[in-house]
mmCIF file of all heavy atoms, coordinates in Angstrom:
data_MODEL
# 
_entry.id   MODEL 
# 
loop_
_atom_site.group_PDB 
_atom_site.id 
_atom_site.type_symbol 
_atom_site.label_atom_id 
_atom_site.label_alt_id 
_atom_site.label_comp_id 
_atom_site.label_asym_id 
_atom_site.label_entity_id 
_atom_site.label_seq_id 
_atom_site.pdbx_PDB_ins_code 
_atom_site.Cartn_x 
_atom_site.Cartn_y 
_atom_site.Cartn_z 
_atom_site.occupancy 
_atom_site.B_iso_or_equiv 
_atom_site.pdbx_formal_charge 
_atom_site.auth_seq_id 
_atom_site.auth_comp_id 
_atom_site.auth_asym_id 
_atom_site.auth_atom_id 
_atom_site.pdbx_PDB_model_num 
ATOM 1   N N   . PHE A 1 1  ? 185.834 -60.354 93.277  1.00 0.00 ? 1  PHE A N   1 
ATOM 2   C CA  . PHE A 1 1  ? 185.134 -59.735 94.390  1.00 0.00 ? 1  PHE A CA  1 
ATOM 3   C C   . PHE A 1 1  ? 186.039 -58.685 95.015  1.00 0.00 ? 1  PHE A C   1 
ATOM 4   O O   . PHE A 1 1  ? 187.254 -58.695 94.810  1.00 0.00 ? 1  PHE A O   1 
ATOM 5   C CB  . PHE A 1 1  ? 184.742 -60.785 95.436  1.00 0.00 ? 1  PHE A CB  1 
ATOM 6   C CG  . PHE A 1 1  ? 183.701 -61.758 94.958  1.00 0.00 ? 1  PHE A CG  1 
ATOM 7   C CD1 . PHE A 1 1  ? 184.039 -62.807 94.122  1.00 0.00 ? 1  PHE A CD1 1 
ATOM 8   C CD2 . PHE A 1 1  ? 182.374 -61.615 95.338  1.00 0.00 ? 1  PHE A CD2 1 
ATOM 9   C CE1 . PHE A 1 1  ? 183.089 -63.704 93.670  1.00 0.00 ? 1  PHE A CE1 1 
ATOM 10  C CE2 . PHE A 1 1  ? 181.404 -62.508 94.894  1.00 0.00 ? 1  PHE A CE2 1 
ATOM 11  C CZ  . PHE A 1 1  ? 181.772 -63.546 94.062  1.00 0.00 ? 1  PHE A CZ  1 
ATOM 12  N N   . ARG A 1 2  ? 185.452 -57.776 95.786  1.00 0.00 ? 2  ARG A N   1 
ATOM 13  C CA  . ARG A 1 2  ? 186.252 -56.769 96.471  1.00 0.00 ? 2  ARG A CA  1 
ATOM 14  C C   . ARG A 1 2  ? 185.657 -56.461 97.838  1.00 0.00 ? 2  ARG A C   1 
ATOM 15  O O   . ARG A 1 2  ? 184.465 -56.647 98.077  1.00 0.00 ? 2  ARG A O   1 
ATOM 16  C CB  . ARG A 1 2  ? 186.363 -55.482 95.643  1.00 0.00 ? 2  ARG A CB  1 
ATOM 17  C CG  . ARG A 1 2  ? 185.054 -54.724 95.469  1.00 0.00 ? 2  ARG A CG  1 
ATOM 18  C CD  . ARG A 1 2  ? 185.243 -53.560 94.506  1.00 0.00 ? 2  ARG A CD  1 
ATOM 19  N NE  . ARG A 1 2  ? 184.024 -52.773 94.357  1.00 0.00 ? 2  ARG A NE  1 
ATOM 20  C CZ  . ARG A 1 2  ? 183.892 -51.775 93.497  1.00 0.00 ? 2  ARG A CZ  1 
ATOM 21  N NH1 . ARG A 1 2  ? 184.909 -51.425 92.701  1.00 0.00 ? 2  ARG A NH1 1 
ATOM 22  N NH2 . ARG A 1 2  ? 182.741 -51.092 93.426  1.00 0.00 ? 2  ARG A NH2 1 
ATOM 23  N N   . GLN A 1 3  ? 186.519 -55.980 98.739  1.00 0.00 ? 3  GLN A N   1 
ATOM 24  C CA  . GLN A 1 3  ? 186.071 -55.606 100.068 1.00 0.00 ? 3  GLN A CA  1 
ATOM 25  C C   . GLN A 1 3  ? 186.886 -54.425 100.573 1.00 0.00 ? 3  GLN A C   1 
ATOM 26  O O   . GLN A 1 3  ? 188.110 -54.491 100.633 1.00 0.00 ? 3  GLN A O   1 
ATOM 27  C CB  . GLN A 1 3  ? 186.189 -56.777 101.047 1.00 0.00 ? 3  GLN A CB  1 
ATOM 28  C CG  . GLN A 1 3  ? 185.577 -56.486 102.409 1.00 0.00 ? 3  GLN A CG  1 
ATOM 29  C CD  . GLN A 1 3  ? 185.445 -57.731 103.261 1.00 0.00 ? 3  GLN A CD  1 
ATOM 30  O OE1 . GLN A 1 3  ? 186.198 -58.681 103.109 1.00 0.00 ? 3  GLN A OE1 1 
ATOM 31  N NE2 . GLN A 1 3  ? 184.472 -57.721 104.163 1.00 0.00 ? 3  GLN A NE2 1 
ATOM 32  N N   . ALA A 1 4  ? 186.190 -53.354 100.929 1.00 0.00 ? 4  ALA A N   1 
ATOM 33  C CA  . ALA A 1 4  ? 186.810 -52.177 101.512 1.00 0.00 ? 4  ALA A CA  1 
ATOM 34  C C   . ALA A 1 4  ? 186.686 -52.254 103.029 1.00 0.00 ? 4  ALA A C   1 
ATOM 35  O O   . ALA A 1 4  ? 185.773 -52.902 103.551 1.00 0.00 ? 4  ALA A O   1 
ATOM 36  C CB  . ALA A 1 4  ? 186.140 -50.905 100.989 1.00 0.00 ? 4  ALA A CB  1 
ATOM 37  N N   . PRO A 1 5  ? 187.588 -51.591 103.776 1.00 0.00 ? 5  PRO A N   1 
ATOM 38  C CA  . PRO A 1 5  ? 187.511 -51.615 105.242 1.00 0.00 ? 5  PRO A CA  1 
ATOM 39  C C   . PRO A 1 5  ? 186.144 -51.157 105.743 1.00 0.00 ? 5  PRO A C   1 
ATOM 40  O O   . PRO A 1 5  ? 185.632 -50.120 105.317 1.00 0.00 ? 5  PRO A O   1 
ATOM 41  C CB  . PRO A 1 5  ? 188.612 -50.640 105.665 1.00 0.00 ? 5  PRO A CB  1 
ATOM 42  C CG  . PRO A 1 5  ? 189.598 -50.699 104.552 1.00 0.00 ? 5  PRO A CG  1 
ATOM 43  C CD  . PRO A 1 5  ? 188.761 -50.838 103.310 1.00 0.00 ? 5  PRO A CD  1 
ATOM 44  N N   . GLY A 1 6  ? 185.539 -51.939 106.630 1.00 0.00 ? 6  GLY A N   1 
ATOM 45  C CA  . GLY A 1 6  ? 184.247 -51.594 107.200 1.00 0.00 ? 6  GLY A CA  1 
ATOM 46  C C   . GLY A 1 6  ? 183.059 -51.867 106.299 1.00 0.00 ? 6  GLY A C   1 
ATOM 47  O O   . GLY A 1 6  ? 181.925 -51.556 106.684 1.00 0.00 ? 6  GLY A O   1 
ATOM 48  N N   . LYS A 1 7  ? 183.289 -52.421 105.120 1.00 0.00 ? 7  LYS A N   1 
ATOM 49  C CA  . LYS A 1 7  ? 182.210 -52.698 104.169 1.00 0.00 ? 7  LYS A CA  1 
ATOM 50  C C   . LYS A 1 7  ? 182.055 -54.197 103.928 1.00 0.00 ? 7  LYS A C   1 
ATOM 51  O O   . LYS A 1 7  ? 182.979 -54.978 104.165 1.00 0.00 ? 7  LYS A O   1 
ATOM 52  C CB  . LYS A 1 7  ? 182.471 -51.992 102.835 1.00 0.00 ? 7  LYS A CB  1 
ATOM 53  C CG  . LYS A 1 7  ? 182.577 -50.478 102.922 1.00 0.00 ? 7  LYS A CG  1 
ATOM 54  C CD  . LYS A 1 7  ? 181.251 -49.859 103.320 1.00 0.00 ? 7  LYS A CD  1 
ATOM 55  C CE  . LYS A 1 7  ? 181.343 -48.330 103.357 1.00 0.00 ? 7  LYS A CE  1 
ATOM 56  N NZ  . LYS A 1 7  ? 181.530 -47.756 102.016 1.00 0.00 ? 7  LYS A NZ  1 
ATOM 57  N N   . GLU A 1 8  ? 180.873 -54.589 103.444 1.00 0.00 ? 8  GLU A N   1 
ATOM 58  C CA  . GLU A 1 8  ? 180.623 -55.977 103.091 1.00 0.00 ? 8  GLU A CA  1 
ATOM 59  C C   . GLU A 1 8  ? 181.350 -56.334 101.804 1.00 0.00 ? 8  GLU A C   1 
ATOM 60  O O   . GLU A 1 8  ? 181.609 -55.477 100.959 1.00 0.00 ? 8  GLU A O   1 
ATOM 61  C CB  . GLU A 1 8  ? 179.120 -56.217 102.911 1.00 0.00 ? 8  GLU A CB  1 
ATOM 62  C CG  . GLU A 1 8  ? 178.285 -56.017 104.158 1.00 0.00 ? 8  GLU A CG  1 
ATOM 63  C CD  . GLU A 1 8  ? 178.476 -57.123 105.163 1.00 0.00 ? 8  GLU A CD  1 
ATOM 64  O OE1 . GLU A 1 8  ? 178.801 -58.253 104.762 1.00 0.00 ? 8  GLU A OE1 1 
ATOM 65  O OE2 . GLU A 1 8  ? 178.306 -56.861 106.366 1.00 0.00 ? 8  GLU A OE2 1 
ATOM 66  N N   . ARG A 1 9  ? 181.684 -57.610 101.656 1.00 0.00 ? 9  ARG A N   1 
ATOM 67  C CA  . ARG A 1 9  ? 182.276 -58.083 100.423 1.00 0.00 ? 9  ARG A CA  1 
ATOM 68  C C   . ARG A 1 9  ? 181.285 -57.909 99.282  1.00 0.00 ? 9  ARG A C   1 
ATOM 69  O O   . ARG A 1 9  ? 180.089 -58.195 99.435  1.00 0.00 ? 9  ARG A O   1 
ATOM 70  C CB  . ARG A 1 9  ? 182.668 -59.554 100.561 1.00 0.00 ? 9  ARG A CB  1 
ATOM 71  C CG  . ARG A 1 9  ? 183.341 -60.132 99.322  1.00 0.00 ? 9  ARG A CG  1 
ATOM 72  C CD  . ARG A 1 9  ? 183.821 -61.541 99.574  1.00 0.00 ? 9  ARG A CD  1 
ATOM 73  N NE  . ARG A 1 9  ? 182.720 -62.420 99.939  1.00 0.00 ? 9  ARG A NE  1 
ATOM 74  C CZ  . ARG A 1 9  ? 182.871 -63.658 100.390 1.00 0.00 ? 9  ARG A CZ  1 
ATOM 75  N NH1 . ARG A 1 9  ? 184.091 -64.154 100.553 1.00 0.00 ? 9  ARG A NH1 1 
ATOM 76  N NH2 . ARG A 1 9  ? 181.815 -64.394 100.692 1.00 0.00 ? 9  ARG A NH2 1 
ATOM 77  N N   . GLU A 1 10 ? 181.761 -57.449 98.133  1.00 0.00 ? 10 GLU A N   1 
ATOM 78  C CA  . GLU A 1 10 ? 180.916 -57.129 96.994  1.00 0.00 ? 10 GLU A CA  1 
ATOM 79  C C   . GLU A 1 10 ? 181.360 -57.896 95.754  1.00 0.00 ? 10 GLU A C   1 
ATOM 80  O O   . GLU A 1 10 ? 182.546 -57.910 95.426  1.00 0.00 ? 10 GLU A O   1 
ATOM 81  C CB  . GLU A 1 10 ? 180.975 -55.621 96.710  1.00 0.00 ? 10 GLU A CB  1 
ATOM 82  C CG  . GLU A 1 10 ? 180.232 -55.185 95.459  1.00 0.00 ? 10 GLU A CG  1 
ATOM 83  C CD  . GLU A 1 10 ? 180.487 -53.737 95.097  1.00 0.00 ? 10 GLU A CD  1 
ATOM 84  O OE1 . GLU A 1 10 ? 181.459 -53.158 95.628  1.00 0.00 ? 10 GLU A OE1 1 
ATOM 85  O OE2 . GLU A 1 10 ? 179.712 -53.178 94.293  1.00 0.00 ? 10 GLU A OE2 1 
ATOM 86  N N   . GLY A 1 11 ? 180.418 -58.523 95.070  1.00 0.00 ? 11 GLY A N   1 
ATOM 87  C CA  . GLY A 1 11 ? 180.719 -59.151 93.798  1.00 0.00 ? 11 GLY A CA  1 
ATOM 88  C C   . GLY A 1 11 ? 180.930 -58.097 92.727  1.00 0.00 ? 11 GLY A C   1 
ATOM 89  O O   . GLY A 1 11 ? 180.126 -57.172 92.604  1.00 0.00 ? 11 GLY A O   1 
ATOM 90  N N   . VAL A 1 12 ? 181.992 -58.220 91.952  1.00 0.00 ? 12 VAL A N   1 
ATOM 91  C CA  . VAL A 1 12 ? 182.344 -57.241 90.927  1.00 0.00 ? 12 VAL A CA  1 
ATOM 92  C C   . VAL A 1 12 ? 181.978 -57.741 89.535  1.00 0.00 ? 12 VAL A C   1 
ATOM 93  O O   . VAL A 1 12 ? 181.282 -57.059 88.777  1.00 0.00 ? 12 VAL A O   1 
ATOM 94  C CB  . VAL A 1 12 ? 183.839 -56.889 90.984  1.00 0.00 ? 12 VAL A CB  1 
ATOM 95  C CG1 . VAL A 1 12 ? 184.221 -55.946 89.848  1.00 0.00 ? 12 VAL A CG1 1 
ATOM 96  C CG2 . VAL A 1 12 ? 184.184 -56.269 92.335  1.00 0.00 ? 12 VAL A CG2 1 
ATOM 97  N N   . ALA A 1 13 ? 182.453 -58.934 89.181  1.00 0.00 ? 13 ALA A N   1 
ATOM 98  C CA  . ALA A 1 13 ? 182.217 -59.484 87.850  1.00 0.00 ? 13 ALA A CA  1 
ATOM 99  C C   . ALA A 1 13 ? 182.461 -60.980 87.859  1.00 0.00 ? 13 ALA A C   1 
ATOM 100 O O   . ALA A 1 13 ? 183.210 -61.494 88.691  1.00 0.00 ? 13 ALA A O   1 
ATOM 101 C CB  . ALA A 1 13 ? 183.130 -58.814 86.817  1.00 0.00 ? 13 ALA A CB  1 
ATOM 102 N N   . SER A 1 14 ? 181.837 -61.689 86.923  1.00 0.00 ? 14 SER A N   1 
ATOM 103 C CA  . SER A 1 14 ? 182.072 -63.114 86.760  1.00 0.00 ? 14 SER A CA  1 
ATOM 104 C C   . SER A 1 14 ? 182.048 -63.469 85.282  1.00 0.00 ? 14 SER A C   1 
ATOM 105 O O   . SER A 1 14 ? 181.492 -62.731 84.460  1.00 0.00 ? 14 SER A O   1 
ATOM 106 C CB  . SER A 1 14 ? 181.037 -63.949 87.522  1.00 0.00 ? 14 SER A CB  1 
ATOM 107 O OG  . SER A 1 14 ? 179.754 -63.848 86.925  1.00 0.00 ? 14 SER A OG  1 
ATOM 108 N N   . ILE A 1 15 ? 182.658 -64.610 84.961  1.00 0.00 ? 15 ILE A N   1 
ATOM 109 C CA  . ILE A 1 15 ? 182.658 -65.104 83.589  1.00 0.00 ? 15 ILE A CA  1 
ATOM 110 C C   . ILE A 1 15 ? 182.528 -66.614 83.620  1.00 0.00 ? 15 ILE A C   1 
ATOM 111 O O   . ILE A 1 15 ? 183.242 -67.306 84.348  1.00 0.00 ? 15 ILE A O   1 
ATOM 112 C CB  . ILE A 1 15 ? 183.929 -64.639 82.826  1.00 0.00 ? 15 ILE A CB  1 
ATOM 113 C CG1 . ILE A 1 15 ? 183.873 -65.095 81.366  1.00 0.00 ? 15 ILE A CG1 1 
ATOM 114 C CG2 . ILE A 1 15 ? 185.206 -65.118 83.513  1.00 0.00 ? 15 ILE A CG2 1 
ATOM 115 C CD1 . ILE A 1 15 ? 184.910 -64.396 80.484  1.00 0.00 ? 15 ILE A CD1 1 
ATOM 116 N N   . ASP A 1 16 ? 181.596 -67.131 82.838  1.00 0.00 ? 16 ASP A N   1 
ATOM 117 C CA  . ASP A 1 16 ? 181.296 -68.554 82.817  1.00 0.00 ? 16 ASP A CA  1 
ATOM 118 C C   . ASP A 1 16 ? 182.203 -69.276 81.819  1.00 0.00 ? 16 ASP A C   1 
ATOM 119 O O   . ASP A 1 16 ? 182.993 -68.647 81.095  1.00 0.00 ? 16 ASP A O   1 
ATOM 120 C CB  . ASP A 1 16 ? 179.823 -68.757 82.440  1.00 0.00 ? 16 ASP A CB  1 
ATOM 121 C CG  . ASP A 1 16 ? 179.163 -69.916 83.163  1.00 0.00 ? 16 ASP A CG  1 
ATOM 122 O OD1 . ASP A 1 16 ? 179.856 -70.908 83.468  1.00 0.00 ? 16 ASP A OD1 1 
ATOM 123 O OD2 . ASP A 1 16 ? 177.937 -69.831 83.428  1.00 0.00 ? 16 ASP A OD2 1 
ATOM 124 N N   . SER A 1 17 ? 182.081 -70.604 81.773  1.00 0.00 ? 17 SER A N   1 
ATOM 125 C CA  . SER A 1 17 ? 182.893 -71.395 80.859  1.00 0.00 ? 17 SER A CA  1 
ATOM 126 C C   . SER A 1 17 ? 182.584 -71.083 79.398  1.00 0.00 ? 17 SER A C   1 
ATOM 127 O O   . SER A 1 17 ? 183.447 -71.265 78.530  1.00 0.00 ? 17 SER A O   1 
ATOM 128 C CB  . SER A 1 17 ? 182.689 -72.890 81.130  1.00 0.00 ? 17 SER A CB  1 
ATOM 129 O OG  . SER A 1 17 ? 181.329 -73.254 80.992  1.00 0.00 ? 17 SER A OG  1 
ATOM 130 N N   . ASP A 1 18 ? 181.360 -70.609 79.112  1.00 0.00 ? 18 ASP A N   1 
ATOM 131 C CA  . ASP A 1 18 ? 180.980 -70.276 77.738  1.00 0.00 ? 18 ASP A CA  1 
ATOM 132 C C   . ASP A 1 18 ? 181.259 -68.818 77.384  1.00 0.00 ? 18 ASP A C   1 
ATOM 133 O O   . ASP A 1 18 ? 180.909 -68.364 76.299  1.00 0.00 ? 18 ASP A O   1 
ATOM 134 C CB  . ASP A 1 18 ? 179.508 -70.604 77.491  1.00 0.00 ? 18 ASP A CB  1 
ATOM 135 C CG  . ASP A 1 18 ? 178.550 -69.751 78.305  1.00 0.00 ? 18 ASP A CG  1 
ATOM 136 O OD1 . ASP A 1 18 ? 179.013 -68.937 79.122  1.00 0.00 ? 18 ASP A OD1 1 
ATOM 137 O OD2 . ASP A 1 18 ? 177.325 -69.902 78.124  1.00 0.00 ? 18 ASP A OD2 1 
ATOM 138 N N   . GLY A 1 19 ? 181.873 -68.064 78.308  1.00 0.00 ? 19 GLY A N   1 
ATOM 139 C CA  . GLY A 1 19 ? 182.208 -66.673 78.068  1.00 0.00 ? 19 GLY A CA  1 
ATOM 140 C C   . GLY A 1 19 ? 181.153 -65.675 78.501  1.00 0.00 ? 19 GLY A C   1 
ATOM 141 O O   . GLY A 1 19 ? 181.374 -64.462 78.378  1.00 0.00 ? 19 GLY A O   1 
ATOM 142 N N   . SER A 1 20 ? 180.018 -66.134 79.007  1.00 0.00 ? 20 SER A N   1 
ATOM 143 C CA  . SER A 1 20 ? 178.964 -65.249 79.484  1.00 0.00 ? 20 SER A CA  1 
ATOM 144 C C   . SER A 1 20 ? 179.454 -64.463 80.700  1.00 0.00 ? 20 SER A C   1 
ATOM 145 O O   . SER A 1 20 ? 180.046 -65.028 81.613  1.00 0.00 ? 20 SER A O   1 
ATOM 146 C CB  . SER A 1 20 ? 177.723 -66.058 79.845  1.00 0.00 ? 20 SER A CB  1 
ATOM 147 O OG  . SER A 1 20 ? 176.697 -65.230 80.346  1.00 0.00 ? 20 SER A OG  1 
ATOM 148 N N   . THR A 1 21 ? 179.204 -63.148 80.718  1.00 0.00 ? 21 THR A N   1 
ATOM 149 C CA  . THR A 1 21 ? 179.697 -62.291 81.792  1.00 0.00 ? 21 THR A CA  1 
ATOM 150 C C   . THR A 1 21 ? 178.568 -61.613 82.548  1.00 0.00 ? 21 THR A C   1 
ATOM 151 O O   . THR A 1 21 ? 177.464 -61.419 82.025  1.00 0.00 ? 21 THR A O   1 
ATOM 152 C CB  . THR A 1 21 ? 180.643 -61.206 81.250  1.00 0.00 ? 21 THR A CB  1 
ATOM 153 O OG1 . THR A 1 21 ? 179.935 -60.400 80.289  1.00 0.00 ? 21 THR A OG1 1 
ATOM 154 C CG2 . THR A 1 21 ? 181.855 -61.833 80.582  1.00 0.00 ? 21 THR A CG2 1 
ATOM 155 N N   . ARG A 1 22 ? 178.852 -61.224 83.800  1.00 0.00 ? 22 ARG A N   1 
ATOM 156 C CA  . ARG A 1 22 ? 177.947 -60.476 84.661  1.00 0.00 ? 22 ARG A CA  1 
ATOM 157 C C   . ARG A 1 22 ? 178.757 -59.426 85.402  1.00 0.00 ? 22 ARG A C   1 
ATOM 158 O O   . ARG A 1 22 ? 179.904 -59.666 85.789  1.00 0.00 ? 22 ARG A O   1 
ATOM 159 C CB  . ARG A 1 22 ? 177.247 -61.396 85.663  1.00 0.00 ? 22 ARG A CB  1 
ATOM 160 C CG  . ARG A 1 22 ? 176.166 -62.285 85.055  1.00 0.00 ? 22 ARG A CG  1 
ATOM 161 C CD  . ARG A 1 22 ? 176.005 -63.562 85.865  1.00 0.00 ? 22 ARG A CD  1 
ATOM 162 N NE  . ARG A 1 22 ? 177.199 -64.379 85.748  1.00 0.00 ? 22 ARG A NE  1 
ATOM 163 C CZ  . ARG A 1 22 ? 177.450 -65.197 84.733  1.00 0.00 ? 22 ARG A CZ  1 
ATOM 164 N NH1 . ARG A 1 22 ? 176.582 -65.318 83.741  1.00 0.00 ? 22 ARG A NH1 1 
ATOM 165 N NH2 . ARG A 1 22 ? 178.575 -65.895 84.699  1.00 0.00 ? 22 ARG A NH2 1 
ATOM 166 N N   . TYR A 1 23 ? 178.153 -58.254 85.623  1.00 0.00 ? 23 TYR A N   1 
ATOM 167 C CA  . TYR A 1 23 ? 178.810 -57.159 86.312  1.00 0.00 ? 23 TYR A CA  1 
ATOM 168 C C   . TYR A 1 23 ? 177.880 -56.538 87.332  1.00 0.00 ? 23 TYR A C   1 
ATOM 169 O O   . TYR A 1 23 ? 176.668 -56.478 87.137  1.00 0.00 ? 23 TYR A O   1 
ATOM 170 C CB  . TYR A 1 23 ? 179.233 -56.061 85.336  1.00 0.00 ? 23 TYR A CB  1 
ATOM 171 C CG  . TYR A 1 23 ? 180.237 -56.503 84.307  1.00 0.00 ? 23 TYR A CG  1 
ATOM 172 C CD1 . TYR A 1 23 ? 179.832 -56.990 83.069  1.00 0.00 ? 23 TYR A CD1 1 
ATOM 173 C CD2 . TYR A 1 23 ? 181.606 -56.425 84.565  1.00 0.00 ? 23 TYR A CD2 1 
ATOM 174 C CE1 . TYR A 1 23 ? 180.758 -57.396 82.119  1.00 0.00 ? 23 TYR A CE1 1 
ATOM 175 C CE2 . TYR A 1 23 ? 182.531 -56.827 83.626  1.00 0.00 ? 23 TYR A CE2 1 
ATOM 176 C CZ  . TYR A 1 23 ? 182.107 -57.311 82.405  1.00 0.00 ? 23 TYR A CZ  1 
ATOM 177 O OH  . TYR A 1 23 ? 183.031 -57.708 81.464  1.00 0.00 ? 23 TYR A OH  1 
ATOM 178 N N   . SER A 1 24 ? 178.445 -56.049 88.427  1.00 0.00 ? 24 SER A N   1 
ATOM 179 C CA  . SER A 1 24 ? 177.669 -55.260 89.359  1.00 0.00 ? 24 SER A CA  1 
ATOM 180 C C   . SER A 1 24 ? 177.340 -53.923 88.704  1.00 0.00 ? 24 SER A C   1 
ATOM 181 O O   . SER A 1 24 ? 178.075 -53.440 87.829  1.00 0.00 ? 24 SER A O   1 
ATOM 182 C CB  . SER A 1 24 ? 178.437 -55.038 90.658  1.00 0.00 ? 24 SER A CB  1 
ATOM 183 O OG  . SER A 1 24 ? 179.556 -54.203 90.445  1.00 0.00 ? 24 SER A OG  1 
ATOM 184 N N   . ASP A 1 25 ? 176.229 -53.311 89.120  1.00 0.00 ? 25 ASP A N   1 
ATOM 185 C CA  . ASP A 1 25 ? 175.817 -52.042 88.530  1.00 0.00 ? 25 ASP A CA  1 
ATOM 186 C C   . ASP A 1 25 ? 176.864 -50.946 88.735  1.00 0.00 ? 25 ASP A C   1 
ATOM 187 O O   . ASP A 1 25 ? 177.009 -50.054 87.897  1.00 0.00 ? 25 ASP A O   1 
ATOM 188 C CB  . ASP A 1 25 ? 174.482 -51.595 89.127  1.00 0.00 ? 25 ASP A CB  1 
ATOM 189 C CG  . ASP A 1 25 ? 173.318 -52.453 88.666  1.00 0.00 ? 25 ASP A CG  1 
ATOM 190 O OD1 . ASP A 1 25 ? 173.447 -53.139 87.636  1.00 0.00 ? 25 ASP A OD1 1 
ATOM 191 O OD2 . ASP A 1 25 ? 172.269 -52.432 89.338  1.00 0.00 ? 25 ASP A OD2 1 
ATOM 192 N N   . SER A 1 26 ? 177.608 -51.016 89.826  1.00 0.00 ? 26 SER A N   1 
ATOM 193 C CA  . SER A 1 26 ? 178.566 -49.967 90.142  1.00 0.00 ? 26 SER A CA  1 
ATOM 194 C C   . SER A 1 26 ? 179.783 -49.946 89.213  1.00 0.00 ? 26 SER A C   1 
ATOM 195 O O   . SER A 1 26 ? 180.465 -48.926 89.118  1.00 0.00 ? 26 SER A O   1 
ATOM 196 C CB  . SER A 1 26 ? 179.032 -50.090 91.596  1.00 0.00 ? 26 SER A CB  1 
ATOM 197 O OG  . SER A 1 26 ? 179.713 -51.311 91.815  1.00 0.00 ? 26 SER A OG  1 
ATOM 198 N N   . VAL A 1 27 ? 180.064 -51.059 88.514  1.00 0.00 ? 27 VAL A N   1 
ATOM 199 C CA  . VAL A 1 27 ? 181.239 -51.110 87.647  1.00 0.00 ? 27 VAL A CA  1 
ATOM 200 C C   . VAL A 1 27 ? 180.895 -51.319 86.177  1.00 0.00 ? 27 VAL A C   1 
ATOM 201 O O   . VAL A 1 27 ? 181.775 -51.210 85.324  1.00 0.00 ? 27 VAL A O   1 
ATOM 202 C CB  . VAL A 1 27 ? 182.232 -52.207 88.084  1.00 0.00 ? 27 VAL A CB  1 
ATOM 203 C CG1 . VAL A 1 27 ? 182.574 -52.062 89.559  1.00 0.00 ? 27 VAL A CG1 1 
ATOM 204 C CG2 . VAL A 1 27 ? 181.688 -53.599 87.787  1.00 0.00 ? 27 VAL A CG2 1 
# 
């Protein structure tokens, strides 16, 4: 996750135990 000053916390990417991944559209 990431957070810039004055901005809401944003999910960037995740990876599950089976290797499945997810990404935010911005990255």
